[in-house]
Every structure is written in C-alpha cells, then in structure tokens.
Amino acid sequence: MPPSSPSASVVIGVDSSTQSTKAAVTDAATGRLLAVGRAPHLVTGRHGARETEPGLWWSALCDAVTAGLKEADVPPTAVTGIAVAGQQHGLVVLDAAGRPLRPAMLWNDTRAAPEAAALTERLGGPAAWLERTGSVPVASMTAAKWQWLREHEPARPVAAVRLPHDFLTERLCGVAVTDPGDASGTCWYSTATGTYDPEILDLIGLAPELLPALAPGGGSRAGSLTAGAAERLGLPEGIAVAVGTGDNMAAAVGLGLGGAGLLDHPVLSLGTSGTAFAATRTRPASAALAGFAATDGTYLPLACTLNCTLAVDRIATLLGLDREDAEPGGGAVLLPYLDGERTPDLPHAAGLLTGLRHATTGRQLLGAAYEGAVFTLLRALDELLRSCGLDPDDADVAARPVRLIGGGARGRVWADTVRRLSGRPVLVPEADELVALGAAALAAGAVTGRDPVAVATDWDTGRGTLLPAVPRDLPTWHRLSDVLDRATPALLT
C-alpha cells in the first residue's frame, strides 16, 4: 500500500549487485517496503574475467527507481532521500570528463591473483597488510585489480578511480565521496587509522587525488540530487543523497547490527557469493578474513566464498534436478569450487568430487554440493568468531542464532544444511531485501541526521523466524574437513 498521504516521507534504497539492481521504495517513518523496482545488467568475461560497463549500472538504477515508484504509486515529491549500496571491490576507472575508460573489473574477477600475491610480499608479507588494512590482498581486492590494470593496460589516461557505489553516488549528486565500509575493501584504506594509507598508495602507484573523499559514514549526506539526475529519475531536484556503502555493510545496517545495535552476532548471506560476517568493535586480524570496517567505522570482519547458490544451482542443472530436490550426501563429498575460491584462497581451484559409490544417488550428489558450500562458509565463520575474541565451540557462543540472509535463505535445503552442519539455531529475517532496506536506512539517516542503524532498529527490519538447533552432523563435517585439507595443495595449482 502507498503512504497514507502525499506528504508522507519516502526514501529509496538502491542495491546495485553483481547481476541486477533493486530500488526499495520505503516509508521513512515505519520502514514499510512499498515497492521494489528491478532491472538487470550484464556481466561478461571468460577465463577468470568478470566485467560490466558502469553505464549499465546507472541505466539499471534509473529503470529500477522508475519501476519502483510506479509500483508504489507514490508522488515523486514524497521522496526525500536516496542511497546506493553497491557490490564491493569493483574497479571503475574514469577519464577527465568522468566517463568510464573500460568496463569495470568486478569483485569475482580472478585475473589479479598473481598481482595480489606479489603485493603481499612487496609490503612485507601478510602481517604487514593485516596491521595496516586488516586484510591481505587476494584477487578480489581492488588494489590487486588496480595493479593488474597498471601491468596489463598501462596506457590508459586514468583521471579518477571509484568503487561501484561511489560511481553511482557521484552520478546522483556530482560529489566524489566514499565511506569507511566500502573503502575498507580496497586494501588501500587503513582500518587502523581510518584513512587512505599513503605507503600503500605509493606501493601501487595510485595518486590520492584520483580517489574520492572519505566521509565519516555511509549515512552522512554526500550532497543533493542534481538537476540532470533528477530529470532522469523523475525525482525532485535537491533531495538528500547519502554517501552509501558496500552491499555487505548495508545488509548489516538492515539487520540493525553495528553502531549502538547488536554486535558479534554472526550472519551468513547466501547469494551468488556466500559471505559470513559479524558486527564488532574488536578490530580483527586474520589472514583468512577480510577485516572490513562497518559503514560507521566500527568493524565488520567478513569471509567470502565465490561459490554459493549459483554453484549449487549449476550442479542441480547438470543433474536435471530442482534445487530443492536434494538429500544428505551420504559418503560423497563435493566441493563446488566452480569459479576458483576466495575463502579459502584458491583462485585456480576447480570443483572436486570424491566418495562416489554404486548406491550414490543424484539427490545425494546435489545434497553434497549444498554441504560443500555450507561447510566452506561455516569453517570461515569459525575463524571469524575467533578473530572477534570468541570461541566458536563455547556453549554460549554456539547458542547464538546464525542470521541467514540472501536469496538462498528462502530455500529449505539451504536452511536445513546450515542447521545440520552447524548445530546452531538459525534466524531467517522476514525482509527479502535487507541490502536495499539498509541503503534506505542510510538515506533516512542523511535526511534526518539519525544513526542509520538506529533507524533500521526502529523499523525492526531484522525480525524473522527462529529455527531451533538440531544435533550437529559431525561425521559429515569431519569428512569434508579431511577432504579439503588433503586436497588443498593440489587445488592451489
């Protein structure tokens, strides 16, 4: 239903993800989702390359906002603010006129793995990076992609470097600005100092004037909607444009995590990629994790796997099965590393299947794919909790629910597999669009000056269904662990 009157305040939260853009038209007072506009965009590339023309993101944003406003049936004059949450790590390079010089290299582009390894050593090894940035370079990180670009396409006259959400925010308000959360995924931002690291910028040959300014948080006001953007979107000129953030940081805001909200509560996000993260005030230091900042400058340590719902769906397609038509894998083990892997850092890995018997069924093979994907995430979650000073085997810690979000969270087999392999209760939030809702809370923060996490907490966007714990399937866990440990040396090549 639309707001009760044309004077009701509406904010728009944009989720610009890997394959599509969503615009959540949201009642600013209650957080009620009035409509979600959607628009796809194209990902191209082979042999490790994953790229998108940045202009497609802008077109998709405009189309999604237009569709959302039409579906919500609210007057454009009711909209008071907009914010963008974007896929992390993407490298956007612009010329002096602000035009993209080439397609953006996306987070799941693995070509920069050699550059990441070389950068790690040039600064003095993993410990040196952890001390400064909280993260060790892997192929996903923007610094590695920038180094790849310098080595493979050195003639490009780069006048500006942006992350995806920075690029879109600048198109909205004309201001080049970013937030601590998304900036912390570059490996040239220091979570220790809250600034760009000058030694790292010098190491990678990146002039600081090419980068956007750093705002104190994603919910601060970047600027006002320009006349050109307002005309394209059909919105009032001059409304608030928030600084925005990365998609994982926005999801944490949408759950009411961080700031004055809940801390150290683990989250598993099941999407094209799988992520495990927790909001904490403890600065993490683990080479197995990305030691991100939250959008407000606290911390959001995160582990990311490249192979989650998309990989399992591919196995289902190969087997001719529906994604829900699975059962526990029995003795079969399937590590669905179809696109390399990030956590663990195995950029050249392929999928691995072992333990087949005559009695193994197709449904069990599909179940084994679920188990392999979930095991990878849960093992990363254990490391994440340790980095926050928590023992994952402690009874009190294990009793805390895992929040399950993303498209896979709606799948019965995903939820059942997480419960069985973790032995933990699972909370599935009711809200379908937590990234977009988190961005909407950032927009509301830019309009009102309030803490966006407090806004989302008042909206109660994190409420959901609690699924009780079930006995942990330790035999399957140990079988998966043994296979991964034995296979890792071969997967590294």
Protein backbone atom coordinates (compact mmCIF):
# COMPACT_ATOMS: atom_id res chain seq x y z
CA MET A 1 0.00 0.00 0.00
CA PRO A 2 1.19 3.58 -0.62
CA PRO A 3 1.79 6.02 2.22
CA SER A 4 -1.35 7.42 3.77
CA SER A 5 -0.91 10.84 2.17
CA PRO A 6 1.25 12.54 -0.47
CA SER A 7 3.10 14.35 2.31
CA ALA A 8 4.40 11.08 3.78
CA SER A 9 8.21 10.88 3.63
CA VAL A 10 9.62 8.20 1.36
CA VAL A 11 13.26 7.16 0.94
CA ILE A 12 14.79 4.94 -1.73
CA GLY A 13 17.50 2.37 -1.04
CA VAL A 14 19.32 1.02 -4.08
CA ASP A 15 21.03 -2.39 -4.12
CA SER A 16 23.36 -2.43 -7.14
CA SER A 17 24.57 -6.03 -7.10
CA THR A 18 26.52 -8.23 -9.48
CA GLN A 19 23.72 -9.10 -11.88
CA SER A 20 20.87 -6.70 -11.14
CA THR A 21 19.76 -3.52 -9.43
CA LYS A 22 16.89 -3.22 -6.96
CA ALA A 23 15.32 0.01 -5.71
CA ALA A 24 13.39 -0.28 -2.43
CA VAL A 25 10.79 2.46 -2.11
CA THR A 26 10.40 2.69 1.65
CA ASP A 27 8.20 4.55 4.13
CA ALA A 28 10.75 6.61 6.05
CA ALA A 29 8.72 6.58 9.27
CA THR A 30 7.98 2.86 9.53
CA GLY A 31 10.40 1.11 7.18
CA ARG A 32 7.44 -0.42 5.36
CA LEU A 33 8.54 -1.64 1.94
CA LEU A 34 6.16 0.00 -0.51
CA ALA A 35 7.62 -1.48 -3.69
CA VAL A 36 10.82 -2.85 -5.20
CA GLY A 37 11.80 -1.88 -8.73
CA ARG A 38 14.18 -4.22 -10.53
CA ALA A 39 16.44 -4.05 -13.57
CA PRO A 40 19.13 -6.47 -14.80
CA HIS A 41 22.63 -5.71 -16.02
CA LEU A 42 25.08 -7.81 -17.97
CA VAL A 43 28.26 -9.49 -16.71
CA THR A 44 30.76 -10.53 -19.36
CA GLY A 45 34.12 -12.28 -19.41
CA ARG A 46 35.87 -15.63 -19.74
CA HIS A 47 38.86 -17.36 -18.19
CA GLY A 48 38.62 -15.54 -14.87
CA ALA A 49 37.48 -12.17 -16.24
CA ARG A 50 34.22 -10.70 -14.90
CA GLU A 51 33.32 -7.23 -16.15
CA THR A 52 30.38 -4.85 -16.55
CA GLU A 53 30.08 -1.49 -18.29
CA PRO A 54 29.45 1.03 -15.45
CA GLY A 55 26.93 2.85 -17.61
CA LEU A 56 24.72 -0.23 -17.37
CA TRP A 57 24.59 0.20 -13.58
CA TRP A 58 23.38 3.78 -14.00
CA SER A 59 20.74 2.80 -16.55
CA ALA A 60 19.60 -0.06 -14.32
CA LEU A 61 19.42 2.27 -11.30
CA CYS A 62 17.25 4.71 -13.22
CA ASP A 63 15.00 1.94 -14.54
CA ALA A 64 14.66 0.30 -11.12
CA VAL A 65 13.79 3.59 -9.39
CA THR A 66 11.22 4.42 -12.08
CA ALA A 67 9.65 0.97 -11.80
CA GLY A 68 9.59 1.10 -8.02
CA LEU A 69 7.91 4.49 -7.90
CA LYS A 70 5.31 3.37 -10.41
CA GLU A 71 4.52 0.21 -8.45
CA ALA A 72 4.39 2.06 -5.12
CA ASP A 73 2.08 4.69 -6.60
CA VAL A 74 3.63 7.50 -4.58
CA PRO A 75 4.18 11.01 -5.90
CA PRO A 76 7.83 11.81 -6.62
CA THR A 77 7.52 14.81 -4.31
CA ALA A 78 7.19 12.40 -1.36
CA VAL A 79 10.77 11.16 -1.88
CA THR A 80 13.21 12.93 0.44
CA GLY A 81 16.39 10.87 0.10
CA ILE A 82 18.24 8.14 -1.79
CA ALA A 83 21.29 5.97 -1.07
CA VAL A 84 23.22 3.33 -3.00
CA ALA A 85 24.67 0.09 -1.66
CA GLY A 86 26.95 -1.46 -4.26
CA GLN A 87 28.80 -4.68 -4.87
CA GLN A 88 32.19 -4.40 -3.22
CA HIS A 89 35.72 -4.27 -4.70
CA GLY A 90 34.82 -3.40 -8.29
CA LEU A 91 37.37 -1.19 -10.05
CA VAL A 92 35.93 1.73 -12.04
CA VAL A 93 38.41 3.97 -13.87
CA LEU A 94 37.28 7.29 -15.36
CA ASP A 95 38.73 9.85 -17.74
CA ALA A 96 38.94 13.58 -17.05
CA ALA A 97 35.31 14.02 -18.13
CA GLY A 98 34.10 11.36 -15.70
CA ARG A 99 33.48 8.76 -18.39
CA PRO A 100 34.45 5.11 -17.85
CA LEU A 101 37.65 4.22 -19.69
CA ARG A 102 36.88 0.50 -19.77
CA PRO A 103 34.42 -2.00 -18.29
CA ALA A 104 34.61 -2.29 -14.50
CA MET A 105 36.53 -5.25 -13.13
CA LEU A 106 34.13 -6.95 -10.71
CA TRP A 107 34.75 -8.47 -7.29
CA ASN A 108 34.68 -12.03 -8.70
CA ASP A 109 37.24 -11.33 -11.42
CA THR A 110 40.15 -13.62 -10.51
CA ARG A 111 42.77 -12.42 -13.03
CA ALA A 112 44.63 -10.39 -10.41
CA ALA A 113 45.61 -13.38 -8.24
CA PRO A 114 49.32 -13.14 -9.22
CA GLU A 115 49.34 -9.39 -8.56
CA ALA A 116 47.72 -9.95 -5.16
CA ALA A 117 50.43 -12.43 -4.17
CA ALA A 118 53.17 -10.09 -5.38
CA LEU A 119 51.72 -7.11 -3.50
CA THR A 120 51.52 -9.16 -0.32
CA GLU A 121 55.24 -9.83 -0.43
CA ARG A 122 56.24 -6.31 -1.52
CA LEU A 123 54.80 -4.77 1.65
CA GLY A 124 56.45 -7.38 3.87
CA GLY A 125 54.03 -10.29 3.97
CA PRO A 126 50.53 -10.89 5.36
CA ALA A 127 51.28 -9.47 8.83
CA ALA A 128 52.20 -6.08 7.38
CA TRP A 129 48.90 -5.87 5.49
CA LEU A 130 46.86 -7.01 8.50
CA GLU A 131 48.47 -4.34 10.66
CA ARG A 132 47.52 -1.60 8.22
CA THR A 133 44.38 -2.61 6.34
CA GLY A 134 43.03 -5.56 8.33
CA SER A 135 43.07 -7.64 5.12
CA VAL A 136 45.60 -9.47 2.98
CA PRO A 137 45.32 -8.89 -0.78
CA VAL A 138 43.52 -11.55 -2.79
CA ALA A 139 42.30 -11.38 -6.37
CA SER A 140 39.01 -9.81 -5.27
CA MET A 141 40.54 -6.75 -3.62
CA THR A 142 40.58 -3.52 -5.59
CA ALA A 143 44.27 -2.87 -5.02
CA ALA A 144 45.14 -6.12 -6.79
CA LYS A 145 42.87 -5.20 -9.71
CA TRP A 146 44.48 -1.75 -9.95
CA GLN A 147 47.89 -3.40 -10.06
CA TRP A 148 46.67 -5.77 -12.78
CA LEU A 149 45.44 -2.79 -14.81
CA ARG A 150 48.76 -0.98 -14.42
CA GLU A 151 50.66 -4.02 -15.66
CA HIS A 152 48.34 -5.07 -18.49
CA GLU A 153 46.82 -1.77 -19.70
CA PRO A 154 49.34 0.90 -18.65
CA ALA A 155 48.48 3.42 -21.39
CA ARG A 156 45.02 4.32 -20.10
CA PRO A 157 44.81 8.00 -19.00
CA VAL A 158 43.09 7.41 -15.65
CA ALA A 159 41.80 10.61 -14.04
CA ALA A 160 39.65 9.06 -11.28
CA VAL A 161 39.25 5.71 -9.50
CA ARG A 162 35.93 4.69 -8.00
CA LEU A 163 34.14 1.75 -6.42
CA PRO A 164 30.74 0.85 -7.91
CA HIS A 165 28.70 2.65 -5.25
CA ASP A 166 30.99 5.69 -5.43
CA PHE A 167 30.43 5.87 -9.19
CA LEU A 168 26.65 5.81 -8.81
CA THR A 169 26.60 8.27 -5.91
CA GLU A 170 28.67 10.68 -7.97
CA ARG A 171 26.18 10.33 -10.84
CA LEU A 172 23.39 11.23 -8.43
CA CYS A 173 24.91 14.27 -6.72
CA GLY A 174 28.11 15.18 -8.54
CA VAL A 175 30.26 14.64 -5.44
CA ALA A 176 33.15 12.15 -5.30
CA VAL A 177 32.85 10.61 -1.83
CA THR A 178 33.01 7.18 -0.22
CA ASP A 179 32.51 5.61 3.22
CA PRO A 180 34.81 3.64 5.56
CA GLY A 181 32.97 0.36 4.94
CA ASP A 182 33.29 0.03 1.19
CA ALA A 183 36.69 1.78 1.23
CA SER A 184 37.99 -0.94 3.57
CA GLY A 185 37.53 -3.49 0.77
CA THR A 186 40.13 -1.80 -1.43
CA CYS A 187 43.28 -2.73 0.54
CA TRP A 188 44.45 0.89 0.23
CA TYR A 189 42.30 2.10 3.14
CA SER A 190 43.68 1.58 6.64
CA THR A 191 41.24 0.33 9.26
CA ALA A 192 43.94 1.18 11.82
CA THR A 193 43.93 4.91 11.01
CA GLY A 194 40.61 5.44 9.22
CA THR A 195 42.40 6.99 6.23
CA TYR A 196 43.91 6.03 2.91
CA ASP A 197 47.34 4.51 3.56
CA PRO A 198 49.97 6.68 1.83
CA GLU A 199 52.64 3.95 1.78
CA ILE A 200 50.30 1.50 0.09
CA LEU A 201 49.15 4.12 -2.42
CA ASP A 202 52.80 4.75 -3.24
CA LEU A 203 53.43 0.98 -3.49
CA ILE A 204 50.70 0.56 -6.11
CA GLY A 205 51.33 3.83 -7.90
CA LEU A 206 47.93 5.34 -7.13
CA ALA A 207 47.81 9.10 -6.63
CA PRO A 208 45.50 10.04 -3.72
CA GLU A 209 43.86 12.82 -5.75
CA LEU A 210 42.35 10.14 -8.00
CA LEU A 211 40.30 8.79 -5.09
CA PRO A 212 37.01 10.03 -3.63
CA ALA A 213 36.96 11.90 -0.33
CA LEU A 214 36.30 9.87 2.82
CA ALA A 215 33.06 10.63 4.66
CA PRO A 216 32.55 9.69 8.33
CA GLY A 217 29.83 7.18 7.47
CA GLY A 218 27.50 5.90 4.77
CA GLY A 219 24.50 7.60 6.32
CA SER A 220 26.01 11.06 6.14
CA ARG A 221 24.88 13.36 3.37
CA ALA A 222 27.07 13.30 0.25
CA GLY A 223 25.17 16.09 -1.45
CA SER A 224 21.93 16.87 -3.24
CA LEU A 225 20.34 15.28 -6.29
CA THR A 226 21.47 17.23 -9.35
CA ALA A 227 19.08 18.65 -11.91
CA GLY A 228 20.24 16.16 -14.55
CA ALA A 229 19.88 13.14 -12.28
CA ALA A 230 16.53 14.39 -11.01
CA GLU A 231 15.20 14.66 -14.56
CA ARG A 232 16.44 11.17 -15.44
CA LEU A 233 14.92 9.63 -12.30
CA GLY A 234 11.74 11.69 -12.17
CA LEU A 235 12.57 12.85 -8.63
CA PRO A 236 12.74 16.32 -7.07
CA GLU A 237 16.00 18.16 -7.55
CA GLY A 238 17.91 18.79 -4.32
CA ILE A 239 16.76 15.81 -2.24
CA ALA A 240 19.36 14.23 0.04
CA VAL A 241 21.86 11.78 -1.45
CA ALA A 242 23.57 9.66 1.20
CA VAL A 243 27.20 8.61 0.92
CA GLY A 244 26.14 4.97 0.61
CA THR A 245 28.27 1.88 1.25
CA GLY A 246 29.08 -1.67 0.15
CA ASP A 247 26.41 -4.32 -0.05
CA ASN A 248 27.59 -6.33 2.95
CA MET A 249 27.78 -3.22 5.12
CA ALA A 250 24.27 -2.24 4.03
CA ALA A 251 22.97 -5.70 4.93
CA ALA A 252 24.40 -5.27 8.43
CA VAL A 253 22.60 -1.93 8.73
CA GLY A 254 19.40 -3.54 7.51
CA LEU A 255 19.72 -6.15 10.25
CA GLY A 256 20.26 -3.45 12.89
CA LEU A 257 23.84 -4.62 13.51
CA GLY A 258 26.67 -2.29 14.49
CA GLY A 259 26.77 1.18 15.98
CA ALA A 260 24.58 1.09 19.05
CA GLY A 261 22.89 -2.09 17.79
CA LEU A 262 23.71 -5.77 18.15
CA LEU A 263 27.37 -6.77 17.99
CA ASP A 264 29.16 -10.09 17.47
CA HIS A 265 26.01 -11.68 16.03
CA PRO A 266 27.05 -13.83 13.06
CA VAL A 267 25.40 -13.59 9.65
CA LEU A 268 25.54 -15.92 6.67
CA SER A 269 24.50 -14.40 3.36
CA LEU A 270 23.61 -16.93 0.68
CA GLY A 271 23.73 -15.35 -2.76
CA THR A 272 25.80 -15.65 -5.93
CA SER A 273 28.63 -15.48 -3.44
CA GLY A 274 28.40 -16.63 0.16
CA THR A 275 29.53 -14.37 2.97
CA ALA A 276 29.95 -14.75 6.70
CA PHE A 277 30.26 -11.59 8.76
CA ALA A 278 29.69 -10.11 12.19
CA ALA A 279 29.46 -6.56 13.51
CA THR A 280 32.02 -5.97 16.25
CA ARG A 281 34.06 -3.30 18.00
CA THR A 282 37.07 -5.65 18.00
CA ARG A 283 39.49 -4.88 15.16
CA PRO A 284 40.12 -8.30 13.60
CA ALA A 285 43.47 -9.58 12.37
CA SER A 286 43.27 -12.86 10.49
CA ALA A 287 44.79 -13.64 7.11
CA ALA A 288 41.77 -15.87 6.42
CA LEU A 289 39.35 -12.93 6.60
CA ALA A 290 38.69 -9.54 5.12
CA GLY A 291 38.98 -7.20 8.11
CA PHE A 292 36.43 -4.71 6.83
CA ALA A 293 35.14 -1.64 8.57
CA ALA A 294 31.41 -1.21 9.04
CA THR A 295 29.97 1.84 7.35
CA ASP A 296 30.12 3.77 10.63
CA GLY A 297 33.82 2.96 11.14
CA THR A 298 33.36 0.08 13.61
CA TYR A 299 34.29 -3.34 12.23
CA LEU A 300 32.66 -5.92 10.01
CA PRO A 301 35.07 -8.85 9.58
CA LEU A 302 33.94 -10.94 6.64
CA ALA A 303 34.76 -14.12 4.80
CA CYS A 304 33.55 -14.50 1.23
CA THR A 305 33.19 -17.63 -0.89
CA LEU A 306 32.81 -17.31 -4.65
CA ASN A 307 30.68 -20.43 -4.94
CA CYS A 308 27.32 -20.43 -3.24
CA THR A 309 23.80 -20.51 -4.70
CA LEU A 310 24.94 -20.17 -8.32
CA ALA A 311 27.34 -23.11 -7.99
CA VAL A 312 24.76 -25.35 -6.31
CA ASP A 313 22.15 -24.40 -8.92
CA ARG A 314 24.67 -25.37 -11.62
CA ILE A 315 25.10 -28.81 -10.05
CA ALA A 316 21.29 -29.17 -9.90
CA THR A 317 21.07 -28.30 -13.60
CA LEU A 318 23.78 -30.82 -14.52
CA LEU A 319 21.86 -33.50 -12.61
CA GLY A 320 18.48 -32.49 -14.06
CA LEU A 321 17.08 -31.81 -10.58
CA ASP A 322 15.20 -28.99 -8.94
CA ARG A 323 17.36 -27.10 -6.43
CA GLU A 324 15.16 -28.31 -3.55
CA ASP A 325 15.30 -31.94 -4.71
CA ALA A 326 18.28 -32.88 -2.52
CA GLU A 327 19.10 -35.14 0.39
CA PRO A 328 22.19 -35.51 2.59
CA GLY A 329 25.21 -36.58 0.58
CA GLY A 330 25.95 -39.82 2.42
CA GLY A 331 29.59 -40.65 1.76
CA ALA A 332 30.00 -38.34 -1.22
CA VAL A 333 31.93 -35.08 -0.86
CA LEU A 334 31.54 -32.29 -3.43
CA LEU A 335 33.49 -29.06 -3.07
CA PRO A 336 31.70 -26.85 -5.64
CA TYR A 337 34.64 -24.52 -6.39
CA LEU A 338 33.46 -23.90 -9.95
CA ASP A 339 34.96 -20.40 -10.20
CA GLY A 340 38.07 -20.76 -8.08
CA GLU A 341 37.62 -19.81 -4.43
CA ARG A 342 38.31 -16.85 -2.16
CA THR A 343 37.92 -18.30 1.35
CA PRO A 344 39.94 -20.48 1.33
CA ASP A 345 42.17 -18.55 -1.07
CA LEU A 346 42.24 -20.97 -4.04
CA PRO A 347 41.81 -18.74 -7.11
CA HIS A 348 42.72 -21.51 -9.58
CA ALA A 349 40.69 -24.30 -7.97
CA ALA A 350 38.07 -26.34 -9.80
CA GLY A 351 35.25 -28.37 -8.31
CA LEU A 352 36.18 -31.61 -6.54
CA LEU A 353 34.01 -34.73 -6.22
CA THR A 354 35.04 -37.80 -4.25
CA GLY A 355 33.48 -40.66 -2.30
CA LEU A 356 31.17 -41.97 -5.04
CA ARG A 357 29.60 -45.45 -4.65
CA HIS A 358 27.20 -47.50 -6.80
CA ALA A 359 24.48 -46.60 -4.34
CA THR A 360 25.09 -42.83 -4.57
CA THR A 361 22.04 -41.05 -5.99
CA GLY A 362 21.68 -37.81 -7.88
CA ARG A 363 19.81 -36.31 -4.95
CA GLN A 364 22.73 -37.19 -2.68
CA LEU A 365 25.18 -35.56 -5.10
CA LEU A 366 23.09 -32.38 -5.03
CA GLY A 367 22.96 -32.62 -1.24
CA ALA A 368 26.75 -32.99 -1.22
CA ALA A 369 27.02 -29.73 -3.21
CA TYR A 370 24.95 -27.96 -0.56
CA GLU A 371 27.13 -29.49 2.15
CA GLY A 372 30.34 -28.40 0.43
CA ALA A 373 29.16 -24.81 0.04
CA VAL A 374 27.80 -24.57 3.59
CA PHE A 375 30.86 -26.25 5.11
CA THR A 376 33.13 -23.68 3.44
CA LEU A 377 31.07 -20.84 4.90
CA LEU A 378 30.80 -22.32 8.38
CA ARG A 379 34.51 -23.04 8.57
CA ALA A 380 35.13 -19.41 7.66
CA LEU A 381 32.57 -18.36 10.29
CA ASP A 382 34.51 -20.20 12.99
CA GLU A 383 37.65 -18.25 12.04
CA LEU A 384 35.64 -15.02 12.02
CA LEU A 385 34.37 -15.62 15.55
CA ARG A 386 37.90 -16.33 16.76
CA SER A 387 39.02 -13.02 15.25
CA CYS A 388 36.35 -11.31 17.38
CA GLY A 389 37.78 -12.95 20.51
CA LEU A 390 35.05 -15.61 20.67
CA ASP A 391 35.45 -19.39 20.91
CA PRO A 392 33.07 -20.96 18.33
CA ASP A 393 32.91 -24.14 20.44
CA ASP A 394 31.87 -22.28 23.60
CA ALA A 395 28.31 -23.29 24.52
CA ASP A 396 27.10 -19.69 24.91
CA VAL A 397 28.59 -18.66 21.57
CA ALA A 398 27.20 -21.74 19.80
CA ALA A 399 23.76 -20.98 21.19
CA ARG A 400 23.60 -17.62 19.41
CA PRO A 401 21.45 -17.83 16.28
CA VAL A 402 23.06 -17.52 12.89
CA ARG A 403 21.18 -14.94 10.84
CA LEU A 404 20.56 -16.36 7.38
CA ILE A 405 20.01 -13.81 4.60
CA GLY A 406 20.20 -13.62 0.81
CA GLY A 407 18.27 -15.49 -1.84
CA GLY A 408 19.32 -18.90 -0.52
CA ALA A 409 17.88 -18.15 2.92
CA ARG A 410 14.41 -18.83 1.48
CA GLY A 411 15.44 -22.32 0.40
CA ARG A 412 14.51 -25.19 2.69
CA VAL A 413 17.61 -27.24 1.86
CA TRP A 414 19.96 -24.31 2.50
CA ALA A 415 18.47 -23.66 5.94
CA ASP A 416 18.39 -27.35 6.82
CA THR A 417 22.02 -27.85 5.76
CA VAL A 418 23.21 -24.85 7.79
CA ARG A 419 21.40 -26.15 10.87
CA ARG A 420 22.68 -29.72 10.43
CA LEU A 421 26.33 -28.83 9.86
CA SER A 422 26.50 -26.04 12.46
CA GLY A 423 24.28 -27.42 15.23
CA ARG A 424 23.16 -23.82 15.81
CA PRO A 425 19.74 -22.18 15.74
CA VAL A 426 19.03 -20.18 12.60
CA LEU A 427 17.12 -16.90 12.34
CA VAL A 428 15.65 -16.16 8.91
CA PRO A 429 14.59 -12.49 8.71
CA GLU A 430 11.23 -11.75 7.14
CA ALA A 431 12.59 -8.94 4.99
CA ASP A 432 13.55 -10.02 1.49
CA GLU A 433 15.68 -7.02 0.56
CA LEU A 434 17.99 -6.33 3.50
CA VAL A 435 20.71 -4.68 1.40
CA ALA A 436 18.23 -2.30 -0.20
CA LEU A 437 16.50 -1.69 3.15
CA GLY A 438 19.88 -0.98 4.73
CA ALA A 439 20.52 1.55 1.97
CA ALA A 440 17.09 3.05 2.64
CA ALA A 441 18.06 3.47 6.30
CA LEU A 442 21.24 5.24 5.14
CA ALA A 443 19.06 7.56 3.05
CA ALA A 444 16.83 8.22 6.07
CA GLY A 445 19.94 8.97 8.11
CA ALA A 446 21.08 11.51 5.52
CA VAL A 447 17.66 13.18 5.63
CA THR A 448 17.25 13.28 9.42
CA GLY A 449 20.80 13.16 10.79
CA ARG A 450 20.00 10.00 12.78
CA ASP A 451 22.19 6.90 13.12
CA PRO A 452 21.05 4.59 10.27
CA VAL A 453 21.40 1.50 12.48
CA ALA A 454 19.03 3.10 14.99
CA VAL A 455 16.65 3.86 12.12
CA ALA A 456 16.69 0.23 10.98
CA THR A 457 16.29 -0.96 14.57
CA ASP A 458 13.17 1.18 14.92
CA TRP A 459 11.91 -0.26 11.64
CA ASP A 460 12.52 -3.77 13.06
CA THR A 461 13.76 -5.00 9.68
CA GLY A 462 15.77 -7.78 11.32
CA ARG A 463 12.77 -9.62 12.76
CA GLY A 464 12.19 -13.14 11.49
CA THR A 465 11.54 -16.82 12.09
CA LEU A 466 13.75 -18.69 14.54
CA LEU A 467 14.52 -22.29 13.57
CA PRO A 468 15.75 -24.30 16.56
CA ALA A 469 19.09 -26.07 16.64
CA VAL A 470 19.35 -29.71 15.57
CA PRO A 471 22.10 -32.19 16.52
CA ARG A 472 25.28 -31.41 14.65
CA ASP A 473 26.27 -33.81 11.84
CA LEU A 474 29.89 -34.21 12.89
CA PRO A 475 30.68 -37.22 10.65
CA THR A 476 29.86 -35.16 7.54
CA TRP A 477 31.76 -32.17 8.93
CA HIS A 478 34.91 -34.20 9.61
CA ARG A 479 34.68 -35.93 6.22
CA LEU A 480 34.51 -32.57 4.43
CA SER A 481 37.31 -31.15 6.54
CA ASP A 482 39.60 -34.10 5.81
CA VAL A 483 38.96 -33.89 2.06
CA LEU A 484 39.60 -30.14 1.90
CA ASP A 485 42.78 -30.36 3.97
CA ARG A 486 44.17 -33.19 1.82
CA ALA A 487 43.11 -31.56 -1.47
CA THR A 488 44.31 -28.01 -0.80
CA PRO A 489 47.89 -28.46 -2.13
CA ALA A 490 46.51 -29.73 -5.44
CA LEU A 491 43.81 -27.02 -5.61
CA LEU A 492 46.46 -24.32 -5.25
CA THR A 493 47.94 -25.14 -8.67
